[in-house]
Amino acid sequence: MDKDLIYEILSAVEEIPEGRVATYGQIARLIGRDKNARLVGKVLSVAEYFGKYPCHRVVNHAGRLVPGWKEQEHLLLQEGVLFKDAAHVDLKRCQWDCGSN
């Protein structure tokens, strides 16, 4: 993967305010790669090697948390993010309005 692209994605993730979430597709649109939501997910899976970023604030299009990443729910709850159920954040109330929707 191109390091410039990685840092472009991580820079967009870094902009998500505390208490808000964004979707993989939303981040892809922000960097001008509308159809690359999966690429965003791939980059976030290795983000720890590039620094500390609030990757826990990124969820899928339905608000679902990353399966198997128990800490994500805890981190989002600490920030006041509201949940619809144990596995989904309430996107209607907590999605970041970055102008890309």
PDB file of N, CA and C in Angstrom:
ATOM      1  N   MET A   1       0.846  -1.194   0.000  1.00  0.00           N
ATOM      2  CA  MET A   1       0.000   0.000   0.000  1.00  0.00           C
ATOM      3  C   MET A   1       0.884   1.248   0.000  1.00  0.00           C
ATOM      4  N   ASP A   2       0.407   2.241  -0.654  1.00  0.00           N
ATOM      5  CA  ASP A   2       1.092   3.518  -0.759  1.00  0.00           C
ATOM      6  C   ASP A   2       0.982   4.272   0.580  1.00  0.00           C
ATOM      7  N   LYS A   3       2.124   4.653   1.140  1.00  0.00           N
ATOM      8  CA  LYS A   3       2.118   5.334   2.445  1.00  0.00           C
ATOM      9  C   LYS A   3       1.372   6.669   2.390  1.00  0.00           C
ATOM     10  N   ASP A   4       1.440   7.370   1.276  1.00  0.00           N
ATOM     11  CA  ASP A   4       0.704   8.637   1.165  1.00  0.00           C
ATOM     12  C   ASP A   4      -0.797   8.393   1.298  1.00  0.00           C
ATOM     13  N   LEU A   5      -1.294   7.346   0.668  1.00  0.00           N
ATOM     14  CA  LEU A   5      -2.706   6.995   0.758  1.00  0.00           C
ATOM     15  C   LEU A   5      -3.067   6.597   2.190  1.00  0.00           C
ATOM     16  N   ILE A   6      -2.215   5.834   2.819  1.00  0.00           N
ATOM     17  CA  ILE A   6      -2.451   5.432   4.212  1.00  0.00           C
ATOM     18  C   ILE A   6      -2.595   6.655   5.095  1.00  0.00           C
ATOM     19  N   TYR A   7      -1.661   7.588   4.975  1.00  0.00           N
ATOM     20  CA  TYR A   7      -1.731   8.781   5.819  1.00  0.00           C
ATOM     21  C   TYR A   7      -2.894   9.700   5.451  1.00  0.00           C
ATOM     22  N   GLU A   8      -3.311   9.685   4.192  1.00  0.00           N
ATOM     23  CA  GLU A   8      -4.491  10.453   3.793  1.00  0.00           C
ATOM     24  C   GLU A   8      -5.737   9.901   4.494  1.00  0.00           C
ATOM     25  N   ILE A   9      -5.861   8.590   4.518  1.00  0.00           N
ATOM     26  CA  ILE A   9      -6.985   7.947   5.201  1.00  0.00           C
ATOM     27  C   ILE A   9      -6.925   8.221   6.696  1.00  0.00           C
ATOM     28  N   LEU A  10      -5.752   8.043   7.289  1.00  0.00           N
ATOM     29  CA  LEU A  10      -5.615   8.247   8.732  1.00  0.00           C
ATOM     30  C   LEU A  10      -5.829   9.703   9.127  1.00  0.00           C
ATOM     31  N   SER A  11      -5.445  10.620   8.264  1.00  0.00           N
ATOM     32  CA  SER A  11      -5.692  12.045   8.538  1.00  0.00           C
ATOM     33  C   SER A  11      -7.185  12.349   8.555  1.00  0.00           C
ATOM     34  N   ALA A  12      -7.930  11.718   7.649  1.00  0.00           N
ATOM     35  CA  ALA A  12      -9.386  11.906   7.638  1.00  0.00           C
ATOM     36  C   ALA A  12     -10.000  11.332   8.909  1.00  0.00           C
ATOM     37  N   VAL A  13      -9.537  10.165   9.327  1.00  0.00           N
ATOM     38  CA  VAL A  13     -10.038   9.535  10.558  1.00  0.00           C
ATOM     39  C   VAL A  13      -9.732  10.411  11.763  1.00  0.00           C
ATOM     40  N   GLU A  14      -8.582  11.041  11.750  1.00  0.00           N
ATOM     41  CA  GLU A  14      -8.161  11.902  12.854  1.00  0.00           C
ATOM     42  C   GLU A  14      -9.095  13.097  13.042  1.00  0.00           C
ATOM     43  N   GLU A  15      -9.814  13.472  11.983  1.00  0.00           N
ATOM     44  CA  GLU A  15     -10.730  14.610  12.042  1.00  0.00           C
ATOM     45  C   GLU A  15     -12.079  14.286  12.700  1.00  0.00           C
ATOM     46  N   ILE A  16     -12.393  13.010  12.869  1.00  0.00           N
ATOM     47  CA  ILE A  16     -13.685  12.637  13.463  1.00  0.00           C
ATOM     48  C   ILE A  16     -13.703  13.124  14.910  1.00  0.00           C
ATOM     49  N   PRO A  17     -14.652  13.967  15.270  1.00  0.00           N
ATOM     50  CA  PRO A  17     -14.685  14.505  16.633  1.00  0.00           C
ATOM     51  C   PRO A  17     -15.041  13.438  17.675  1.00  0.00           C
ATOM     52  N   GLU A  18     -14.567  13.661  18.869  1.00  0.00           N
ATOM     53  CA  GLU A  18     -14.916  12.781  19.988  1.00  0.00           C
ATOM     54  C   GLU A  18     -16.432  12.754  20.133  1.00  0.00           C
ATOM     55  N   GLY A  19     -16.994  11.576  20.372  1.00  0.00           N
ATOM     56  CA  GLY A  19     -18.431  11.429  20.533  1.00  0.00           C
ATOM     57  C   GLY A  19     -19.193  11.246  19.229  1.00  0.00           C
ATOM     58  N   ARG A  20     -18.465  11.193  18.120  1.00  0.00           N
ATOM     59  CA  ARG A  20     -19.066  10.994  16.800  1.00  0.00           C
ATOM     60  C   ARG A  20     -18.425   9.788  16.133  1.00  0.00           C
ATOM     61  N   VAL A  21     -19.112   9.244  15.138  1.00  0.00           N
ATOM     62  CA  VAL A  21     -18.566   8.144  14.350  1.00  0.00           C
ATOM     63  C   VAL A  21     -18.722   8.474  12.875  1.00  0.00           C
ATOM     64  N   ALA A  22     -17.913   7.800  12.070  1.00  0.00           N
ATOM     65  CA  ALA A  22     -18.013   7.899  10.614  1.00  0.00           C
ATOM     66  C   ALA A  22     -18.026   6.479  10.067  1.00  0.00           C
ATOM     67  N   THR A  23     -18.497   6.339   8.855  1.00  0.00           N
ATOM     68  CA  THR A  23     -18.495   5.017   8.221  1.00  0.00           C
ATOM     69  C   THR A  23     -17.263   4.895   7.327  1.00  0.00           C
ATOM     70  N   TYR A  24     -16.936   3.646   6.985  1.00  0.00           N
ATOM     71  CA  TYR A  24     -15.821   3.413   6.069  1.00  0.00           C
ATOM     72  C   TYR A  24     -16.063   4.131   4.742  1.00  0.00           C
ATOM     73  N   GLY A  25     -17.295   4.064   4.258  1.00  0.00           N
ATOM     74  CA  GLY A  25     -17.643   4.725   3.004  1.00  0.00           C
ATOM     75  C   GLY A  25     -17.523   6.233   3.090  1.00  0.00           C
ATOM     76  N   GLN A  26     -17.886   6.773   4.216  1.00  0.00           N
ATOM     77  CA  GLN A  26     -17.785   8.214   4.438  1.00  0.00           C
ATOM     78  C   GLN A  26     -16.316   8.656   4.350  1.00  0.00           C
ATOM     79  N   ILE A  27     -15.427   7.899   4.966  1.00  0.00           N
ATOM     80  CA  ILE A  27     -13.999   8.228   4.905  1.00  0.00           C
ATOM     81  C   ILE A  27     -13.503   8.093   3.465  1.00  0.00           C
ATOM     82  N   ALA A  28     -13.942   7.049   2.777  1.00  0.00           N
ATOM     83  CA  ALA A  28     -13.545   6.868   1.373  1.00  0.00           C
ATOM     84  C   ALA A  28     -13.984   8.065   0.529  1.00  0.00           C
ATOM     85  N   ARG A  29     -15.198   8.537   0.733  1.00  0.00           N
ATOM     86  CA  ARG A  29     -15.688   9.707  -0.014  1.00  0.00           C
ATOM     87  C   ARG A  29     -14.882  10.955   0.319  1.00  0.00           C
ATOM     88  N   LEU A  30     -14.515  11.115   1.569  1.00  0.00           N
ATOM     89  CA  LEU A  30     -13.739  12.286   1.985  1.00  0.00           C
ATOM     90  C   LEU A  30     -12.404  12.387   1.265  1.00  0.00           C
ATOM     91  N   ILE A  31     -11.811  11.238   0.947  1.00  0.00           N
ATOM     92  CA  ILE A  31     -10.509  11.264   0.278  1.00  0.00           C
ATOM     93  C   ILE A  31     -10.650  11.108  -1.241  1.00  0.00           C
ATOM     94  N   GLY A  32     -11.881  11.176  -1.737  1.00  0.00           N
ATOM     95  CA  GLY A  32     -12.109  11.124  -3.177  1.00  0.00           C
ATOM     96  C   GLY A  32     -12.042   9.730  -3.775  1.00  0.00           C
ATOM     97  N   ARG A  33     -12.282   8.701  -2.966  1.00  0.00           N
ATOM     98  CA  ARG A  33     -12.260   7.318  -3.436  1.00  0.00           C
ATOM     99  C   ARG A  33     -13.578   6.655  -3.056  1.00  0.00           C
ATOM    100  N   ASP A  34     -14.645   7.131  -3.645  1.00  0.00           N
ATOM    101  CA  ASP A  34     -16.007   6.730  -3.288  1.00  0.00           C
ATOM    102  C   ASP A  34     -16.233   5.231  -3.149  1.00  0.00           C
ATOM    103  N   LYS A  35     -15.600   4.451  -3.956  1.00  0.00           N
ATOM    104  CA  LYS A  35     -15.868   3.008  -3.984  1.00  0.00           C
ATOM    105  C   LYS A  35     -14.832   2.191  -3.217  1.00  0.00           C
ATOM    106  N   ASN A  36     -14.079   2.828  -2.341  1.00  0.00           N
ATOM    107  CA  ASN A  36     -12.991   2.139  -1.653  1.00  0.00           C
ATOM    108  C   ASN A  36     -13.178   2.025  -0.148  1.00  0.00           C
ATOM    109  N   ALA A  37     -14.401   1.751   0.294  1.00  0.00           N
ATOM    110  CA  ALA A  37     -14.660   1.584   1.728  1.00  0.00           C
ATOM    111  C   ALA A  37     -13.849   0.419   2.291  1.00  0.00           C
ATOM    112  N   ARG A  38     -13.715  -0.646   1.535  1.00  0.00           N
ATOM    113  CA  ARG A  38     -12.940  -1.804   2.020  1.00  0.00           C
ATOM    114  C   ARG A  38     -11.466  -1.464   2.175  1.00  0.00           C
ATOM    115  N   LEU A  39     -10.956  -0.625   1.298  1.00  0.00           N
ATOM    116  CA  LEU A  39      -9.576  -0.171   1.417  1.00  0.00           C
ATOM    117  C   LEU A  39      -9.384   0.586   2.724  1.00  0.00           C
ATOM    118  N   VAL A  40     -10.357   1.423   3.065  1.00  0.00           N
ATOM    119  CA  VAL A  40     -10.300   2.160   4.331  1.00  0.00           C
ATOM    120  C   VAL A  40     -10.224   1.167   5.489  1.00  0.00           C
ATOM    121  N   GLY A  41     -11.056   0.148   5.471  1.00  0.00           N
ATOM    122  CA  GLY A  41     -11.021  -0.869   6.518  1.00  0.00           C
ATOM    123  C   GLY A  41      -9.678  -1.565   6.606  1.00  0.00           C
ATOM    124  N   LYS A  42      -9.104  -1.873   5.464  1.00  0.00           N
ATOM    125  CA  LYS A  42      -7.790  -2.530   5.423  1.00  0.00           C
ATOM    126  C   LYS A  42      -6.723  -1.640   6.054  1.00  0.00           C
ATOM    127  N   VAL A  43      -6.737  -0.370   5.706  1.00  0.00           N
ATOM    128  CA  VAL A  43      -5.768   0.570   6.276  1.00  0.00           C
ATOM    129  C   VAL A  43      -5.959   0.680   7.789  1.00  0.00           C
ATOM    130  N   LEU A  44      -7.201   0.773   8.227  1.00  0.00           N
ATOM    131  CA  LEU A  44      -7.442   0.908   9.667  1.00  0.00           C
ATOM    132  C   LEU A  44      -6.998  -0.335  10.433  1.00  0.00           C
ATOM    133  N   SER A  45      -7.007  -1.481   9.783  1.00  0.00           N
ATOM    134  CA  SER A  45      -6.578  -2.703  10.456  1.00  0.00           C
ATOM    135  C   SER A  45      -5.072  -2.718  10.748  1.00  0.00           C
ATOM    136  N   VAL A  46      -4.312  -1.870  10.066  1.00  0.00           N
ATOM    137  CA  VAL A  46      -2.869  -1.780  10.312  1.00  0.00           C
ATOM    138  C   VAL A  46      -2.453  -0.401  10.822  1.00  0.00           C
ATOM    139  N   ALA A  47      -3.420   0.414  11.207  1.00  0.00           N
ATOM    140  CA  ALA A  47      -3.150   1.796  11.619  1.00  0.00           C
ATOM    141  C   ALA A  47      -2.190   1.894  12.795  1.00  0.00           C
ATOM    142  N   GLU A  48      -2.198   0.919  13.675  1.00  0.00           N
ATOM    143  CA  GLU A  48      -1.332   0.963  14.859  1.00  0.00           C
ATOM    144  C   GLU A  48       0.144   1.072  14.491  1.00  0.00           C
ATOM    145  N   TYR A  49       0.512   0.651  13.286  1.00  0.00           N
ATOM    146  CA  TYR A  49       1.902   0.723  12.842  1.00  0.00           C
ATOM    147  C   TYR A  49       2.289   2.120  12.350  1.00  0.00           C
ATOM    148  N   PHE A  50       1.318   3.019  12.258  1.00  0.00           N
ATOM    149  CA  PHE A  50       1.551   4.358  11.724  1.00  0.00           C
ATOM    150  C   PHE A  50       1.299   5.466  12.737  1.00  0.00           C
ATOM    151  N   GLY A  51       0.969   5.104  13.961  1.00  0.00           N
ATOM    152  CA  GLY A  51       0.717   6.094  14.995  1.00  0.00           C
ATOM    153  C   GLY A  51      -0.593   5.823  15.710  1.00  0.00           C
ATOM    154  N   LYS A  52      -0.997   6.783  16.511  1.00  0.00           N
ATOM    155  CA  LYS A  52      -2.219   6.629  17.298  1.00  0.00           C
ATOM    156  C   LYS A  52      -3.338   7.445  16.648  1.00  0.00           C
ATOM    157  N   TYR A  53      -4.352   6.751  16.179  1.00  0.00           N
ATOM    158  CA  TYR A  53      -5.481   7.382  15.503  1.00  0.00           C
ATOM    159  C   TYR A  53      -6.778   6.847  16.108  1.00  0.00           C
ATOM    160  N   PRO A  54      -7.859   7.648  16.079  1.00  0.00           N
ATOM    161  CA  PRO A  54      -9.126   7.216  16.676  1.00  0.00           C
ATOM    162  C   PRO A  54      -9.928   6.278  15.761  1.00  0.00           C
ATOM    163  N   CYS A  55      -9.321   5.166  15.404  1.00  0.00           N
ATOM    164  CA  CYS A  55      -9.957   4.209  14.489  1.00  0.00           C
ATOM    165  C   CYS A  55     -11.231   3.615  15.072  1.00  0.00           C
ATOM    166  N   HIS A  56     -11.365   3.669  16.394  1.00  0.00           N
ATOM    167  CA  HIS A  56     -12.573   3.138  17.031  1.00  0.00           C
ATOM    168  C   HIS A  56     -13.811   3.930  16.634  1.00  0.00           C
ATOM    169  N   ARG A  57     -13.627   5.099  16.067  1.00  0.00           N
ATOM    170  CA  ARG A  57     -14.750   5.950  15.658  1.00  0.00           C
ATOM    171  C   ARG A  57     -15.267   5.624  14.257  1.00  0.00           C
ATOM    172  N   VAL A  58     -14.761   4.571  13.645  1.00  0.00           N
ATOM    173  CA  VAL A  58     -15.198   4.198  12.301  1.00  0.00           C
ATOM    174  C   VAL A  58     -15.972   2.874  12.378  1.00  0.00           C
ATOM    175  N   VAL A  59     -17.167   2.884  11.786  1.00  0.00           N
ATOM    176  CA  VAL A  59     -18.065   1.725  11.808  1.00  0.00           C
ATOM    177  C   VAL A  59     -18.546   1.449  10.384  1.00  0.00           C
ATOM    178  N   ASN A  60     -19.263   0.348  10.194  1.00  0.00           N
ATOM    179  CA  ASN A  60     -19.746   0.072   8.835  1.00  0.00           C
ATOM    180  C   ASN A  60     -20.992   0.913   8.532  1.00  0.00           C
ATOM    181  N   HIS A  61     -21.534   0.759   7.333  1.00  0.00           N
ATOM    182  CA  HIS A  61     -22.658   1.592   6.866  1.00  0.00           C
ATOM    183  C   HIS A  61     -23.919   1.457   7.718  1.00  0.00           C
ATOM    184  N   ALA A  62     -24.033   0.366   8.458  1.00  0.00           N
ATOM    185  CA  ALA A  62     -25.194   0.151   9.327  1.00  0.00           C
ATOM    186  C   ALA A  62     -24.902   0.526  10.778  1.00  0.00           C
ATOM    187  N   GLY A  63     -23.695   1.003  11.041  1.00  0.00           N
ATOM    188  CA  GLY A  63     -23.329   1.371  12.403  1.00  0.00           C
ATOM    189  C   GLY A  63     -22.748   0.230  13.209  1.00  0.00           C
ATOM    190  N   ARG A  64     -22.482  -0.900  12.545  1.00  0.00           N
ATOM    191  CA  ARG A  64     -21.980  -2.075  13.249  1.00  0.00           C
ATOM    192  C   ARG A  64     -20.524  -1.904  13.643  1.00  0.00           C
ATOM    193  N   LEU A  65     -20.221  -2.360  14.839  1.00  0.00           N
ATOM    194  CA  LEU A  65     -18.852  -2.348  15.336  1.00  0.00           C
ATOM    195  C   LEU A  65     -18.024  -3.422  14.646  1.00  0.00           C
ATOM    196  N   VAL A  66     -16.709  -3.320  14.797  1.00  0.00           N
ATOM    197  CA  VAL A  66     -15.808  -4.324  14.234  1.00  0.00           C
ATOM    198  C   VAL A  66     -15.973  -5.616  15.033  1.00  0.00           C
ATOM    199  N   PRO A  67     -16.334  -6.720  14.379  1.00  0.00           N
ATOM    200  CA  PRO A  67     -16.490  -7.988  15.095  1.00  0.00           C
ATOM    201  C   PRO A  67     -15.182  -8.405  15.769  1.00  0.00           C
ATOM    202  N   GLY A  68     -15.273  -8.799  17.029  1.00  0.00           N
ATOM    203  CA  GLY A  68     -14.110  -9.268  17.763  1.00  0.00           C
ATOM    204  C   GLY A  68     -13.264  -8.187  18.410  1.00  0.00           C
ATOM    205  N   TRP A  69     -13.586  -6.918  18.181  1.00  0.00           N
ATOM    206  CA  TRP A  69     -12.811  -5.830  18.795  1.00  0.00           C
ATOM    207  C   TRP A  69     -13.624  -5.278  19.963  1.00  0.00           C
ATOM    208  N   LYS A  70     -13.535  -5.952  21.099  1.00  0.00           N
ATOM    209  CA  LYS A  70     -14.334  -5.609  22.284  1.00  0.00           C
ATOM    210  C   LYS A  70     -14.054  -4.190  22.782  1.00  0.00           C
ATOM    211  N   GLU A  71     -12.823  -3.742  22.664  1.00  0.00           N
ATOM    212  CA  GLU A  71     -12.438  -2.420  23.169  1.00  0.00           C
ATOM    213  C   GLU A  71     -13.163  -1.283  22.448  1.00  0.00           C
ATOM    214  N   GLN A  72     -13.575  -1.502  21.202  1.00  0.00           N
ATOM    215  CA  GLN A  72     -14.230  -0.450  20.435  1.00  0.00           C
ATOM    216  C   GLN A  72     -15.488   0.053  21.142  1.00  0.00           C
ATOM    217  N   GLU A  73     -16.321  -0.853  21.586  1.00  0.00           N
ATOM    218  CA  GLU A  73     -17.546  -0.447  22.283  1.00  0.00           C
ATOM    219  C   GLU A  73     -17.219   0.365  23.530  1.00  0.00           C
ATOM    220  N   HIS A  74     -16.263  -0.106  24.302  1.00  0.00           N
ATOM    221  CA  HIS A  74     -15.865   0.587  25.532  1.00  0.00           C
ATOM    222  C   HIS A  74     -15.382   2.009  25.229  1.00  0.00           C
ATOM    223  N   LEU A  75     -14.523   2.149  24.223  1.00  0.00           N
ATOM    224  CA  LEU A  75     -13.996   3.471  23.868  1.00  0.00           C
ATOM    225  C   LEU A  75     -15.108   4.412  23.409  1.00  0.00           C
ATOM    226  N   LEU A  76     -16.042   3.911  22.621  1.00  0.00           N
ATOM    227  CA  LEU A  76     -17.147   4.752  22.138  1.00  0.00           C
ATOM    228  C   LEU A  76     -18.085   5.142  23.277  1.00  0.00           C
ATOM    229  N   LEU A  77     -18.361   4.212  24.177  1.00  0.00           N
ATOM    230  CA  LEU A  77     -19.204   4.535  25.332  1.00  0.00           C
ATOM    231  C   LEU A  77     -18.555   5.612  26.195  1.00  0.00           C
ATOM    232  N   GLN A  78     -17.257   5.547  26.358  1.00  0.00           N
ATOM    233  CA  GLN A  78     -16.538   6.571  27.133  1.00  0.00           C
ATOM    234  C   GLN A  78     -16.697   7.958  26.514  1.00  0.00           C
ATOM    235  N   GLU A  79     -16.864   8.005  25.204  1.00  0.00           N
ATOM    236  CA  GLU A  79     -17.013   9.277  24.502  1.00  0.00           C
ATOM    237  C   GLU A  79     -18.474   9.729  24.415  1.00  0.00           C
ATOM    238  N   GLY A  80     -19.379   8.917  24.921  1.00  0.00           N
ATOM    239  CA  GLY A  80     -20.787   9.294  24.914  1.00  0.00           C
ATOM    240  C   GLY A  80     -21.546   8.902  23.657  1.00  0.00           C
ATOM    241  N   VAL A  81     -20.977   8.041  22.840  1.00  0.00           N
ATOM    242  CA  VAL A  81     -21.666   7.583  21.634  1.00  0.00           C
ATOM    243  C   VAL A  81     -22.847   6.709  22.050  1.00  0.00           C
ATOM    244  N   LEU A  82     -23.985   6.947  21.418  1.00  0.00           N
ATOM    245  CA  LEU A  82     -25.207   6.206  21.728  1.00  0.00           C
ATOM    246  C   LEU A  82     -25.303   4.962  20.852  1.00  0.00           C
ATOM    247  N   PHE A  83     -25.862   3.891  21.422  1.00  0.00           N
ATOM    248  CA  PHE A  83     -25.994   2.619  20.725  1.00  0.00           C
ATOM    249  C   PHE A  83     -27.458   2.262  20.521  1.00  0.00           C
ATOM    250  N   LYS A  84     -27.750   1.601  19.395  1.00  0.00           N
ATOM    251  CA  LYS A  84     -29.085   1.047  19.143  1.00  0.00           C
ATOM    252  C   LYS A  84     -29.210  -0.309  19.818  1.00  0.00           C
ATOM    253  N   ASP A  85     -28.124  -1.056  19.787  1.00  0.00           N
ATOM    254  CA  ASP A  85     -28.052  -2.360  20.453  1.00  0.00           C
ATOM    255  C   ASP A  85     -26.575  -2.629  20.747  1.00  0.00           C
ATOM    256  N   ALA A  86     -26.261  -3.805  21.226  1.00  0.00           N
ATOM    257  CA  ALA A  86     -24.890  -4.100  21.655  1.00  0.00           C
ATOM    258  C   ALA A  86     -23.862  -4.048  20.534  1.00  0.00           C
ATOM    259  N   ALA A  87     -24.287  -4.176  19.294  1.00  0.00           N
ATOM    260  CA  ALA A  87     -23.332  -4.236  18.191  1.00  0.00           C
ATOM    261  C   ALA A  87     -23.414  -3.064  17.216  1.00  0.00           C
ATOM    262  N   HIS A  88     -24.382  -2.134  17.425  1.00  0.00           N
ATOM    263  CA  HIS A  88     -24.597  -1.046  16.470  1.00  0.00           C
ATOM    264  C   HIS A  88     -24.709   0.306  17.170  1.00  0.00           C
ATOM    265  N   VAL A  89     -23.965   1.280  16.664  1.00  0.00           N
ATOM    266  CA  VAL A  89     -24.130   2.643  17.164  1.00  0.00           C
ATOM    267  C   VAL A  89     -25.365   3.253  16.504  1.00  0.00           C
ATOM    268  N   ASP A  90     -25.869   4.292  17.109  1.00  0.00           N
ATOM    269  CA  ASP A  90     -27.027   5.004  16.562  1.00  0.00           C
ATOM    270  C   ASP A  90     -26.507   6.061  15.586  1.00  0.00           C
ATOM    271  N   LEU A  91     -26.437   5.699  14.318  1.00  0.00           N
ATOM    272  CA  LEU A  91     -25.894   6.617  13.308  1.00  0.00           C
ATOM    273  C   LEU A  91     -26.727   7.888  13.167  1.00  0.00           C
ATOM    274  N   LYS A  92     -28.038   7.775  13.334  1.00  0.00           N
ATOM    275  CA  LYS A  92     -28.886   8.963  13.193  1.00  0.00           C
ATOM    276  C   LYS A  92     -28.520  10.043  14.204  1.00  0.00           C
ATOM    277  N   ARG A  93     -28.054   9.621  15.359  1.00  0.00           N
ATOM    278  CA  ARG A  93     -27.751  10.580  16.424  1.00  0.00           C
ATOM    279  C   ARG A  93     -26.263  10.857  16.596  1.00  0.00           C
ATOM    280  N   CYS A  94     -25.408   9.968  16.097  1.00  0.00           N
ATOM    281  CA  CYS A  94     -23.971  10.100  16.390  1.00  0.00           C
ATOM    282  C   CYS A  94     -23.063  10.159  15.177  1.00  0.00           C
ATOM    283  N   GLN A  95     -23.615  10.117  13.969  1.00  0.00           N
ATOM    284  CA  GLN A  95     -22.741  10.156  12.794  1.00  0.00           C
ATOM    285  C   GLN A  95     -22.188  11.546  12.599  1.00  0.00           C
ATOM    286  N   TRP A  96     -20.932  11.613  12.307  1.00  0.00           N
ATOM    287  CA  TRP A  96     -20.216  12.860  12.049  1.00  0.00           C
ATOM    288  C   TRP A  96     -20.758  13.513  10.791  1.00  0.00           C
ATOM    289  N   ASP A  97     -21.131  14.767  10.901  1.00  0.00           N
ATOM    290  CA  ASP A  97     -21.609  15.521   9.745  1.00  0.00           C
ATOM    291  C   ASP A  97     -20.420  16.274   9.154  1.00  0.00           C
ATOM    292  N   CYS A  98     -19.754  15.616   8.222  1.00  0.00           N
ATOM    293  CA  CYS A  98     -18.546  16.198   7.628  1.00  0.00           C
ATOM    294  C   CYS A  98     -18.824  16.753   6.234  1.00  0.00           C
ATOM    295  N   GLY A  99     -20.072  16.712   5.822  1.00  0.00           N
ATOM    296  CA  GLY A  99     -20.421  17.220   4.511  1.00  0.00           C
ATOM    297  C   GLY A  99     -20.204  16.213   3.393  1.00  0.00           C
ATOM    298  N   SER A 100     -19.891  14.943   3.747  1.00  0.00           N
ATOM    299  CA  SER A 100     -19.649  13.947   2.702  1.00  0.00           C
ATOM    300  C   SER A 100     -20.826  13.015   2.503  1.00  0.00           C
ATOM    301  N   ASN A 101     -21.890  13.167   3.255  1.00  0.00           N
ATOM    302  CA  ASN A 101     -23.021  12.234   3.165  1.00  0.00           C
ATOM    303  C   ASN A 101     -23.897  12.536   1.976  1.00  0.00           C
TER     304      ASN A 101
END
